[in-house]
């Protein structure tokens, strides 16, 4: 099966489906704790890139720390994989969470 990656805008539901297609092509999902460990690794890589770009960490090469977008996408990909295995519809859950947090976040962000 060949995975099609189109240059389209996606809803989260569609992104979850693309994540599932890719994971199925390459052998299936990992166990839940292994996926959590992977998410932690990806957040660490994002943290490192942010620290190089905005913090005090020194880069080891020209490309080191310059791929915030890629690292953030890895975090989202892995989170969607976890949502898939847990049968969580992130479209619904995120919208509900945003509605719940709307009042709590007032004044928290500039």
PDB file of N, CA and C in Angstrom:
ATOM      1  N   UNK A   1       0.846  -1.176   0.000  1.00  0.00           N
ATOM      2  CA  UNK A   1       0.000   0.000   0.000  1.00  0.00           C
ATOM      3  C   UNK A   1       0.890   1.237   0.000  1.00  0.00           C
ATOM      4  N   UNK A   2       0.625   2.139  -0.921  1.00  0.00           N
ATOM      5  CA  UNK A   2       1.392   3.381  -0.981  1.00  0.00           C
ATOM      6  C   UNK A   2       0.599   4.485  -0.292  1.00  0.00           C
ATOM      7  N   UNK A   3       1.276   5.189   0.598  1.00  0.00           N
ATOM      8  CA  UNK A   3       0.641   6.277   1.335  1.00  0.00           C
ATOM      9  C   UNK A   3       0.703   7.543   0.501  1.00  0.00           C
ATOM     10  N   UNK A   4      -0.437   8.188   0.328  1.00  0.00           N
ATOM     11  CA  UNK A   4      -0.483   9.454  -0.395  1.00  0.00           C
ATOM     12  C   UNK A   4      -0.402  10.594   0.603  1.00  0.00           C
ATOM     13  N   UNK A   5       0.515  11.483   0.380  1.00  0.00           N
ATOM     14  CA  UNK A   5       0.627  12.685   1.191  1.00  0.00           C
ATOM     15  C   UNK A   5       0.273  13.843   0.271  1.00  0.00           C
ATOM     16  N   UNK A   6      -0.909  14.376   0.460  1.00  0.00           N
ATOM     17  CA  UNK A   6      -1.354  15.479  -0.369  1.00  0.00           C
ATOM     18  C   UNK A   6      -1.047  16.792   0.311  1.00  0.00           C
ATOM     19  N   UNK A   7      -0.912  17.805  -0.497  1.00  0.00           N
ATOM     20  CA  UNK A   7      -0.688  19.146   0.025  1.00  0.00           C
ATOM     21  C   UNK A   7      -2.054  19.785   0.266  1.00  0.00           C
ATOM     22  N   UNK A   8      -2.719  19.339   1.331  1.00  0.00           N
ATOM     23  CA  UNK A   8      -4.057  19.835   1.629  1.00  0.00           C
ATOM     24  C   UNK A   8      -4.132  20.270   3.083  1.00  0.00           C
ATOM     25  N   UNK A   9      -5.138  21.081   3.357  1.00  0.00           N
ATOM     26  CA  UNK A   9      -5.418  21.418   4.744  1.00  0.00           C
ATOM     27  C   UNK A   9      -6.209  20.261   5.329  1.00  0.00           C
ATOM     28  N   UNK A  10      -5.946  19.940   6.579  1.00  0.00           N
ATOM     29  CA  UNK A  10      -6.613  18.805   7.205  1.00  0.00           C
ATOM     30  C   UNK A  10      -7.272  19.206   8.501  1.00  0.00           C
ATOM     31  N   UNK A  11      -8.368  18.545   8.780  1.00  0.00           N
ATOM     32  CA  UNK A  11      -8.932  18.592  10.114  1.00  0.00           C
ATOM     33  C   UNK A  11      -8.158  17.570  10.939  1.00  0.00           C
ATOM     34  N   UNK A  12      -8.280  17.666  12.227  1.00  0.00           N
ATOM     35  CA  UNK A  12      -7.557  16.724  13.080  1.00  0.00           C
ATOM     36  C   UNK A  12      -7.979  15.294  12.765  1.00  0.00           C
ATOM     37  N   UNK A  13      -9.251  15.093  12.519  1.00  0.00           N
ATOM     38  CA  UNK A  13      -9.761  13.754  12.180  1.00  0.00           C
ATOM     39  C   UNK A  13      -9.026  13.192  10.960  1.00  0.00           C
ATOM     40  N   UNK A  14      -8.812  14.026   9.968  1.00  0.00           N
ATOM     41  CA  UNK A  14      -8.101  13.592   8.763  1.00  0.00           C
ATOM     42  C   UNK A  14      -6.634  13.309   9.078  1.00  0.00           C
ATOM     43  N   UNK A  15      -6.052  14.133   9.931  1.00  0.00           N
ATOM     44  CA  UNK A  15      -4.651  13.910  10.325  1.00  0.00           C
ATOM     45  C   UNK A  15      -4.522  12.585  11.064  1.00  0.00           C
ATOM     46  N   UNK A  16      -5.484  12.289  11.944  1.00  0.00           N
ATOM     47  CA  UNK A  16      -5.457  11.005  12.650  1.00  0.00           C
ATOM     48  C   UNK A  16      -5.521   9.853  11.662  1.00  0.00           C
ATOM     49  N   UNK A  17      -6.309   9.991  10.614  1.00  0.00           N
ATOM     50  CA  UNK A  17      -6.419   8.930   9.610  1.00  0.00           C
ATOM     51  C   UNK A  17      -5.095   8.766   8.857  1.00  0.00           C
ATOM     52  N   UNK A  18      -4.443   9.872   8.501  1.00  0.00           N
ATOM     53  CA  UNK A  18      -3.152   9.798   7.808  1.00  0.00           C
ATOM     54  C   UNK A  18      -2.085   9.155   8.700  1.00  0.00           C
ATOM     55  N   UNK A  19      -2.089   9.507   9.984  1.00  0.00           N
ATOM     56  CA  UNK A  19      -1.154   8.895  10.928  1.00  0.00           C
ATOM     57  C   UNK A  19      -1.393   7.388  10.974  1.00  0.00           C
ATOM     58  N   UNK A  20      -2.654   6.979  11.049  1.00  0.00           N
ATOM     59  CA  UNK A  20      -2.985   5.559  11.087  1.00  0.00           C
ATOM     60  C   UNK A  20      -2.518   4.853   9.816  1.00  0.00           C
ATOM     61  N   UNK A  21      -2.753   5.458   8.658  1.00  0.00           N
ATOM     62  CA  UNK A  21      -2.329   4.856   7.391  1.00  0.00           C
ATOM     63  C   UNK A  21      -0.820   4.641   7.374  1.00  0.00           C
ATOM     64  N   UNK A  22      -0.070   5.641   7.788  1.00  0.00           N
ATOM     65  CA  UNK A  22       1.386   5.526   7.796  1.00  0.00           C
ATOM     66  C   UNK A  22       1.848   4.434   8.749  1.00  0.00           C
ATOM     67  N   UNK A  23       1.285   4.420   9.942  1.00  0.00           N
ATOM     68  CA  UNK A  23       1.691   3.425  10.934  1.00  0.00           C
ATOM     69  C   UNK A  23       1.338   2.015  10.458  1.00  0.00           C
ATOM     70  N   UNK A  24       0.201   1.846   9.820  1.00  0.00           N
ATOM     71  CA  UNK A  24      -0.192   0.528   9.300  1.00  0.00           C
ATOM     72  C   UNK A  24       0.762   0.058   8.207  1.00  0.00           C
ATOM     73  N   UNK A  25       1.205   0.992   7.352  1.00  0.00           N
ATOM     74  CA  UNK A  25       2.153   0.645   6.288  1.00  0.00           C
ATOM     75  C   UNK A  25       3.461   0.123   6.872  1.00  0.00           C
ATOM     76  N   UNK A  26       3.879   0.696   7.991  1.00  0.00           N
ATOM     77  CA  UNK A  26       5.174   0.330   8.571  1.00  0.00           C
ATOM     78  C   UNK A  26       5.082  -0.644   9.731  1.00  0.00           C
ATOM     79  N   UNK A  27       3.986  -1.373   9.860  1.00  0.00           N
ATOM     80  CA  UNK A  27       3.972  -2.493  10.785  1.00  0.00           C
ATOM     81  C   UNK A  27       3.052  -2.405  11.978  1.00  0.00           C
ATOM     82  N   UNK A  28       2.382  -1.307  12.186  1.00  0.00           N
ATOM     83  CA  UNK A  28       1.423  -1.236  13.280  1.00  0.00           C
ATOM     84  C   UNK A  28       1.914  -0.434  14.475  1.00  0.00           C
ATOM     85  N   UNK A  29       1.020  -0.272  15.397  1.00  0.00           N
ATOM     86  CA  UNK A  29       1.257   0.554  16.572  1.00  0.00           C
ATOM     87  C   UNK A  29       2.123  -0.158  17.598  1.00  0.00           C
ATOM     88  N   UNK A  30       2.854   0.632  18.362  1.00  0.00           N
ATOM     89  CA  UNK A  30       3.620   0.128  19.490  1.00  0.00           C
ATOM     90  C   UNK A  30       2.700  -0.028  20.686  1.00  0.00           C
ATOM     91  N   UNK A  31       3.216  -0.651  21.719  1.00  0.00           N
ATOM     92  CA  UNK A  31       2.489  -0.744  22.983  1.00  0.00           C
ATOM     93  C   UNK A  31       2.344   0.667  23.582  1.00  0.00           C
ATOM     94  N   UNK A  32       1.287   0.899  24.372  1.00  0.00           N
ATOM     95  CA  UNK A  32       1.030   2.250  24.906  1.00  0.00           C
ATOM     96  C   UNK A  32       2.207   2.897  25.634  1.00  0.00           C
ATOM     97  N   UNK A  33       2.892   2.171  26.491  1.00  0.00           N
ATOM     98  CA  UNK A  33       4.005   2.782  27.226  1.00  0.00           C
ATOM     99  C   UNK A  33       5.187   3.095  26.313  1.00  0.00           C
ATOM    100  N   UNK A  34       5.373   2.308  25.273  1.00  0.00           N
ATOM    101  CA  UNK A  34       6.427   2.599  24.297  1.00  0.00           C
ATOM    102  C   UNK A  34       6.092   3.866  23.522  1.00  0.00           C
ATOM    103  N   UNK A  35       4.822   4.056  23.219  1.00  0.00           N
ATOM    104  CA  UNK A  35       4.416   5.276  22.516  1.00  0.00           C
ATOM    105  C   UNK A  35       4.552   6.494  23.425  1.00  0.00           C
ATOM    106  N   UNK A  36       4.264   6.331  24.707  1.00  0.00           N
ATOM    107  CA  UNK A  36       4.459   7.431  25.647  1.00  0.00           C
ATOM    108  C   UNK A  36       5.944   7.788  25.746  1.00  0.00           C
ATOM    109  N   UNK A  37       6.799   6.773  25.773  1.00  0.00           N
ATOM    110  CA  UNK A  37       8.244   7.022  25.798  1.00  0.00           C
ATOM    111  C   UNK A  37       8.661   7.762  24.529  1.00  0.00           C
ATOM    112  N   UNK A  38       8.101   7.378  23.399  1.00  0.00           N
ATOM    113  CA  UNK A  38       8.402   8.056  22.135  1.00  0.00           C
ATOM    114  C   UNK A  38       7.966   9.514  22.186  1.00  0.00           C
ATOM    115  N   UNK A  39       6.781   9.769  22.735  1.00  0.00           N
ATOM    116  CA  UNK A  39       6.298  11.141  22.865  1.00  0.00           C
ATOM    117  C   UNK A  39       7.255  11.960  23.743  1.00  0.00           C
ATOM    118  N   UNK A  40       7.713  11.357  24.807  1.00  0.00           N
ATOM    119  CA  UNK A  40       8.662  12.029  25.699  1.00  0.00           C
ATOM    120  C   UNK A  40       9.965  12.350  24.963  1.00  0.00           C
ATOM    121  N   UNK A  41      10.435  11.418  24.147  1.00  0.00           N
ATOM    122  CA  UNK A  41      11.635  11.661  23.336  1.00  0.00           C
ATOM    123  C   UNK A  41      11.418  12.838  22.388  1.00  0.00           C
ATOM    124  N   UNK A  42      10.268  12.850  21.740  1.00  0.00           N
ATOM    125  CA  UNK A  42       9.978  13.915  20.773  1.00  0.00           C
ATOM    126  C   UNK A  42       9.866  15.270  21.465  1.00  0.00           C
ATOM    127  N   UNK A  43       9.256  15.312  22.628  1.00  0.00           N
ATOM    128  CA  UNK A  43       9.176  16.564  23.386  1.00  0.00           C
ATOM    129  C   UNK A  43      10.584  17.008  23.790  1.00  0.00           C
ATOM    130  N   UNK A  44      11.431  16.061  24.130  1.00  0.00           N
ATOM    131  CA  UNK A  44      12.818  16.390  24.450  1.00  0.00           C
ATOM    132  C   UNK A  44      13.550  16.999  23.268  1.00  0.00           C
ATOM    133  N   UNK A  45      13.321  16.449  22.076  1.00  0.00           N
ATOM    134  CA  UNK A  45      13.952  16.994  20.877  1.00  0.00           C
ATOM    135  C   UNK A  45      13.428  18.403  20.576  1.00  0.00           C
ATOM    136  N   UNK A  46      12.143  18.621  20.782  1.00  0.00           N
ATOM    137  CA  UNK A  46      11.569  19.957  20.618  1.00  0.00           C
ATOM    138  C   UNK A  46      12.181  20.920  21.636  1.00  0.00           C
ATOM    139  N   UNK A  47      12.321  20.459  22.869  1.00  0.00           N
ATOM    140  CA  UNK A  47      12.914  21.280  23.924  1.00  0.00           C
ATOM    141  C   UNK A  47      14.346  21.666  23.571  1.00  0.00           C
ATOM    142  N   UNK A  48      15.092  20.717  23.068  1.00  0.00           N
ATOM    143  CA  UNK A  48      16.480  20.980  22.682  1.00  0.00           C
ATOM    144  C   UNK A  48      16.535  22.031  21.581  1.00  0.00           C
ATOM    145  N   UNK A  49      15.683  21.874  20.563  1.00  0.00           N
ATOM    146  CA  UNK A  49      15.658  22.838  19.458  1.00  0.00           C
ATOM    147  C   UNK A  49      15.277  24.231  19.947  1.00  0.00           C
ATOM    148  N   UNK A  50      14.317  24.303  20.848  1.00  0.00           N
ATOM    149  CA  UNK A  50      13.904  25.598  21.404  1.00  0.00           C
ATOM    150  C   UNK A  50      15.036  26.211  22.230  1.00  0.00           C
ATOM    151  N   UNK A  51      15.742  25.378  22.993  1.00  0.00           N
ATOM    152  CA  UNK A  51      16.838  25.868  23.825  1.00  0.00           C
ATOM    153  C   UNK A  51      17.988  26.393  22.968  1.00  0.00           C
ATOM    154  N   UNK A  52      18.229  25.758  21.833  1.00  0.00           N
ATOM    155  CA  UNK A  52      19.263  26.234  20.923  1.00  0.00           C
ATOM    156  C   UNK A  52      18.836  27.553  20.284  1.00  0.00           C
ATOM    157  N   UNK A  53      17.588  27.610  19.878  1.00  0.00           N
ATOM    158  CA  UNK A  53      17.110  28.811  19.186  1.00  0.00           C
ATOM    159  C   UNK A  53      16.921  29.995  20.135  1.00  0.00           C
ATOM    160  N   UNK A  54      16.370  29.748  21.322  1.00  0.00           N
ATOM    161  CA  UNK A  54      16.004  30.851  22.212  1.00  0.00           C
ATOM    162  C   UNK A  54      16.749  30.862  23.551  1.00  0.00           C
ATOM    163  N   UNK A  55      17.382  29.765  23.874  1.00  0.00           N
ATOM    164  CA  UNK A  55      18.023  29.657  25.186  1.00  0.00           C
ATOM    165  C   UNK A  55      19.530  29.760  25.108  1.00  0.00           C
ATOM    166  N   UNK A  56      20.167  29.150  26.079  1.00  0.00           N
ATOM    167  CA  UNK A  56      21.615  29.245  26.215  1.00  0.00           C
ATOM    168  C   UNK A  56      22.388  28.077  25.606  1.00  0.00           C
ATOM    169  N   UNK A  57      21.682  27.071  25.093  1.00  0.00           N
ATOM    170  CA  UNK A  57      22.370  25.903  24.535  1.00  0.00           C
ATOM    171  C   UNK A  57      23.045  26.283  23.227  1.00  0.00           C
ATOM    172  N   UNK A  58      24.259  25.820  23.062  1.00  0.00           N
ATOM    173  CA  UNK A  58      25.022  26.081  21.847  1.00  0.00           C
ATOM    174  C   UNK A  58      24.768  24.989  20.822  1.00  0.00           C
ATOM    175  N   UNK A  59      24.670  25.372  19.589  1.00  0.00           N
ATOM    176  CA  UNK A  59      24.455  24.458  18.477  1.00  0.00           C
ATOM    177  C   UNK A  59      25.750  23.717  18.148  1.00  0.00           C
ATOM    178  N   UNK A  60      25.629  22.441  17.756  1.00  0.00           N
ATOM    179  CA  UNK A  60      26.802  21.662  17.358  1.00  0.00           C
ATOM    180  C   UNK A  60      27.063  21.766  15.860  1.00  0.00           C
ATOM    181  N   UNK A  61      26.026  22.184  15.106  1.00  0.00           N
ATOM    182  CA  UNK A  61      26.168  22.355  13.658  1.00  0.00           C
ATOM    183  C   UNK A  61      25.190  23.433  13.188  1.00  0.00           C
ATOM    184  N   UNK A  62      25.309  23.823  11.935  1.00  0.00           N
ATOM    185  CA  UNK A  62      24.448  24.881  11.400  1.00  0.00           C
ATOM    186  C   UNK A  62      22.971  24.503  11.422  1.00  0.00           C
ATOM    187  N   UNK A  63      22.666  23.229  11.198  1.00  0.00           N
ATOM    188  CA  UNK A  63      21.269  22.810  11.155  1.00  0.00           C
ATOM    189  C   UNK A  63      20.725  22.442  12.533  1.00  0.00           C
ATOM    190  N   UNK A  64      21.577  22.359  13.514  1.00  0.00           N
ATOM    191  CA  UNK A  64      21.189  21.958  14.864  1.00  0.00           C
ATOM    192  C   UNK A  64      20.261  22.987  15.495  1.00  0.00           C
ATOM    193  N   UNK A  65      19.049  22.556  15.824  1.00  0.00           N
ATOM    194  CA  UNK A  65      18.107  23.441  16.493  1.00  0.00           C
ATOM    195  C   UNK A  65      17.275  24.290  15.551  1.00  0.00           C
ATOM    196  N   UNK A  66      17.482  24.139  14.265  1.00  0.00           N
ATOM    197  CA  UNK A  66      16.769  24.971  13.308  1.00  0.00           C
ATOM    198  C   UNK A  66      15.480  24.378  12.784  1.00  0.00           C
ATOM    199  N   UNK A  67      15.099  23.253  13.319  1.00  0.00           N
ATOM    200  CA  UNK A  67      13.926  22.574  12.776  1.00  0.00           C
ATOM    201  C   UNK A  67      12.797  22.478  13.801  1.00  0.00           C
ATOM    202  N   UNK A  68      12.415  23.594  14.380  1.00  0.00           N
ATOM    203  CA  UNK A  68      11.329  23.597  15.359  1.00  0.00           C
ATOM    204  C   UNK A  68      10.053  23.018  14.772  1.00  0.00           C
ATOM    205  N   UNK A  69       9.753  23.372  13.535  1.00  0.00           N
ATOM    206  CA  UNK A  69       8.522  22.900  12.895  1.00  0.00           C
ATOM    207  C   UNK A  69       8.500  21.382  12.817  1.00  0.00           C
ATOM    208  N   UNK A  70       9.634  20.802  12.416  1.00  0.00           N
ATOM    209  CA  UNK A  70       9.721  19.340  12.295  1.00  0.00           C
ATOM    210  C   UNK A  70       9.548  18.672  13.653  1.00  0.00           C
ATOM    211  N   UNK A  71      10.208  19.217  14.663  1.00  0.00           N
ATOM    212  CA  UNK A  71      10.117  18.622  15.998  1.00  0.00           C
ATOM    213  C   UNK A  71       8.699  18.741  16.549  1.00  0.00           C
ATOM    214  N   UNK A  72       8.061  19.864  16.336  1.00  0.00           N
ATOM    215  CA  UNK A  72       6.678  20.039  16.789  1.00  0.00           C
ATOM    216  C   UNK A  72       5.750  19.084  16.046  1.00  0.00           C
ATOM    217  N   UNK A  73       5.977  18.906  14.753  1.00  0.00           N
ATOM    218  CA  UNK A  73       5.175  17.958  13.980  1.00  0.00           C
ATOM    219  C   UNK A  73       5.359  16.533  14.499  1.00  0.00           C
ATOM    220  N   UNK A  74       6.576  16.177  14.911  1.00  0.00           N
ATOM    221  CA  UNK A  74       6.822  14.854  15.486  1.00  0.00           C
ATOM    222  C   UNK A  74       6.024  14.658  16.774  1.00  0.00           C
ATOM    223  N   UNK A  75       5.951  15.705  17.603  1.00  0.00           N
ATOM    224  CA  UNK A  75       5.168  15.638  18.841  1.00  0.00           C
ATOM    225  C   UNK A  75       3.695  15.414  18.507  1.00  0.00           C
ATOM    226  N   UNK A  76       3.184  16.183  17.558  1.00  0.00           N
ATOM    227  CA  UNK A  76       1.766  16.060  17.188  1.00  0.00           C
ATOM    228  C   UNK A  76       1.489  14.692  16.586  1.00  0.00           C
ATOM    229  N   UNK A  77       2.361  14.218  15.701  1.00  0.00           N
ATOM    230  CA  UNK A  77       2.198  12.900  15.088  1.00  0.00           C
ATOM    231  C   UNK A  77       2.077  11.822  16.159  1.00  0.00           C
ATOM    232  N   UNK A  78       2.994  11.852  17.111  1.00  0.00           N
ATOM    233  CA  UNK A  78       3.011  10.824  18.153  1.00  0.00           C
ATOM    234  C   UNK A  78       1.788  10.932  19.059  1.00  0.00           C
ATOM    235  N   UNK A  79       1.377  12.154  19.378  1.00  0.00           N
ATOM    236  CA  UNK A  79       0.159  12.339  20.186  1.00  0.00           C
ATOM    237  C   UNK A  79      -1.065  11.804  19.445  1.00  0.00           C
ATOM    238  N   UNK A  80      -1.132  12.029  18.144  1.00  0.00           N
ATOM    239  CA  UNK A  80      -2.254  11.504  17.361  1.00  0.00           C
ATOM    240  C   UNK A  80      -2.210   9.976  17.295  1.00  0.00           C
ATOM    241  N   UNK A  81      -1.024   9.407  17.243  1.00  0.00           N
ATOM    242  CA  UNK A  81      -0.905   7.941  17.265  1.00  0.00           C
ATOM    243  C   UNK A  81      -1.451   7.382  18.567  1.00  0.00           C
ATOM    244  N   UNK A  82      -1.130   8.034  19.671  1.00  0.00           N
ATOM    245  CA  UNK A  82      -1.655   7.597  20.969  1.00  0.00           C
ATOM    246  C   UNK A  82      -3.172   7.740  20.981  1.00  0.00           C
ATOM    247  N   UNK A  83      -3.684   8.847  20.470  1.00  0.00           N
ATOM    248  CA  UNK A  83      -5.144   9.049  20.401  1.00  0.00           C
ATOM    249  C   UNK A  83      -5.792   7.936  19.580  1.00  0.00           C
ATOM    250  N   UNK A  84      -5.167   7.552  18.480  1.00  0.00           N
ATOM    251  CA  UNK A  84      -5.720   6.483  17.642  1.00  0.00           C
ATOM    252  C   UNK A  84      -5.832   5.169  18.405  1.00  0.00           C
ATOM    253  N   UNK A  85      -4.778   4.800  19.119  1.00  0.00           N
ATOM    254  CA  UNK A  85      -4.818   3.520  19.828  1.00  0.00           C
ATOM    255  C   UNK A  85      -5.833   3.538  20.964  1.00  0.00           C
ATOM    256  N   UNK A  86      -6.092   4.716  21.509  1.00  0.00           N
ATOM    257  CA  UNK A  86      -7.059   4.850  22.599  1.00  0.00           C
ATOM    258  C   UNK A  86      -8.471   5.159  22.093  1.00  0.00           C
ATOM    259  N   UNK A  87      -8.634   5.179  20.765  1.00  0.00           N
ATOM    260  CA  UNK A  87      -9.942   5.450  20.132  1.00  0.00           C
ATOM    261  C   UNK A  87     -10.501   6.812  20.561  1.00  0.00           C
ATOM    262  N   UNK A  88      -9.622   7.819  20.608  1.00  0.00           N
ATOM    263  CA  UNK A  88     -10.013   9.169  21.000  1.00  0.00           C
ATOM    264  C   UNK A  88     -10.180  10.019  19.748  1.00  0.00           C
ATOM    265  N   UNK A  89     -11.329  10.635  19.594  1.00  0.00           N
ATOM    266  CA  UNK A  89     -11.597  11.542  18.490  1.00  0.00           C
ATOM    267  C   UNK A  89     -11.095  12.921  18.910  1.00  0.00           C
ATOM    268  N   UNK A  90      -9.914  13.291  18.436  1.00  0.00           N
ATOM    269  CA  UNK A  90      -9.293  14.532  18.879  1.00  0.00           C
ATOM    270  C   UNK A  90     -10.035  15.776  18.398  1.00  0.00           C
ATOM    271  N   UNK A  91     -10.755  15.696  17.278  1.00  0.00           N
ATOM    272  CA  UNK A  91     -11.588  16.834  16.853  1.00  0.00           C
ATOM    273  C   UNK A  91     -12.549  17.210  17.972  1.00  0.00           C
ATOM    274  N   UNK A  92     -13.260  16.209  18.471  1.00  0.00           N
ATOM    275  CA  UNK A  92     -14.256  16.446  19.515  1.00  0.00           C
ATOM    276  C   UNK A  92     -13.604  16.830  20.846  1.00  0.00           C
ATOM    277  N   UNK A  93     -12.582  16.102  21.237  1.00  0.00           N
ATOM    278  CA  UNK A  93     -11.945  16.312  22.535  1.00  0.00           C
ATOM    279  C   UNK A  93     -11.278  17.682  22.610  1.00  0.00           C
ATOM    280  N   UNK A  94     -10.579  18.070  21.551  1.00  0.00           N
ATOM    281  CA  UNK A  94      -9.894  19.361  21.571  1.00  0.00           C
ATOM    282  C   UNK A  94     -10.894  20.511  21.587  1.00  0.00           C
ATOM    283  N   UNK A  95     -11.947  20.410  20.808  1.00  0.00           N
ATOM    284  CA  UNK A  95     -12.957  21.463  20.802  1.00  0.00           C
ATOM    285  C   UNK A  95     -13.600  21.603  22.182  1.00  0.00           C
ATOM    286  N   UNK A  96     -13.936  20.473  22.797  1.00  0.00           N
ATOM    287  CA  UNK A  96     -14.519  20.503  24.137  1.00  0.00           C
ATOM    288  C   UNK A  96     -13.548  21.124  25.142  1.00  0.00           C
ATOM    289  N   UNK A  97     -12.276  20.745  25.039  1.00  0.00           N
ATOM    290  CA  UNK A  97     -11.263  21.275  25.940  1.00  0.00           C
ATOM    291  C   UNK A  97     -11.085  22.780  25.758  1.00  0.00           C
ATOM    292  N   UNK A  98     -11.099  23.235  24.513  1.00  0.00           N
ATOM    293  CA  UNK A  98     -10.979  24.667  24.252  1.00  0.00           C
ATOM    294  C   UNK A  98     -12.156  25.437  24.845  1.00  0.00           C
ATOM    295  N   UNK A  99     -13.340  24.871  24.710  1.00  0.00           N
ATOM    296  CA  UNK A  99     -14.524  25.513  25.283  1.00  0.00           C
ATOM    297  C   UNK A  99     -14.426  25.582  26.804  1.00  0.00           C
ATOM    298  N   UNK A 100     -13.982  24.505  27.434  1.00  0.00           N
ATOM    299  CA  UNK A 100     -13.840  24.468  28.896  1.00  0.00           C
ATOM    300  C   UNK A 100     -12.769  25.443  29.388  1.00  0.00           C
ATOM    301  N   UNK A 101     -11.667  25.539  28.638  1.00  0.00           N
ATOM    302  CA  UNK A 101     -10.542  26.346  29.084  1.00  0.00           C
ATOM    303  C   UNK A 101     -10.652  27.815  28.691  1.00  0.00           C
ATOM    304  N   UNK A 102     -11.610  28.162  27.860  1.00  0.00           N
ATOM    305  CA  UNK A 102     -11.716  29.532  27.383  1.00  0.00           C
ATOM    306  C   UNK A 102     -11.750  30.545  28.533  1.00  0.00           C
ATOM    307  N   UNK A 103     -12.589  30.282  29.497  1.00  0.00           N
ATOM    308  CA  UNK A 103     -12.709  31.208  30.631  1.00  0.00           C
ATOM    309  C   UNK A 103     -11.489  31.108  31.548  1.00  0.00           C
ATOM    310  N   UNK A 104     -10.961  29.903  31.746  1.00  0.00           N
ATOM    311  CA  UNK A 104      -9.803  29.740  32.624  1.00  0.00           C
ATOM    312  C   UNK A 104      -8.570  30.447  32.082  1.00  0.00           C
ATOM    313  N   UNK A 105      -8.430  30.486  30.759  1.00  0.00           N
ATOM    314  CA  UNK A 105      -7.226  31.058  30.151  1.00  0.00           C
ATOM    315  C   UNK A 105      -7.308  32.567  29.963  1.00  0.00           C
ATOM    316  N   UNK A 106      -8.467  33.159  30.212  1.00  0.00           N
ATOM    317  CA  UNK A 106      -8.609  34.591  30.033  1.00  0.00           C
ATOM    318  C   UNK A 106      -7.608  35.303  30.934  1.00  0.00           C
ATOM    319  N   UNK A 107      -6.781  36.135  30.354  1.00  0.00           N
ATOM    320  CA  UNK A 107      -5.779  36.869  31.114  1.00  0.00           C
ATOM    321  C   UNK A 107      -4.479  36.130  31.326  1.00  0.00           C
ATOM    322  N   UNK A 108      -4.426  34.833  31.002  1.00  0.00           N
ATOM    323  CA  UNK A 108      -3.198  34.058  31.166  1.00  0.00           C
ATOM    324  C   UNK A 108      -2.208  34.387  30.043  1.00  0.00           C
ATOM    325  N   UNK A 109      -2.736  34.476  28.821  1.00  0.00           N
ATOM    326  CA  UNK A 109      -1.907  34.796  27.664  1.00  0.00           C
ATOM    327  C   UNK A 109      -2.131  36.243  27.285  1.00  0.00           C
ATOM    328  N   UNK A 110      -1.099  36.853  26.742  1.00  0.00           N
ATOM    329  CA  UNK A 110      -1.191  38.258  26.355  1.00  0.00           C
ATOM    330  C   UNK A 110      -2.165  38.455  25.225  1.00  0.00           C
TER     331      UNK A 110
END
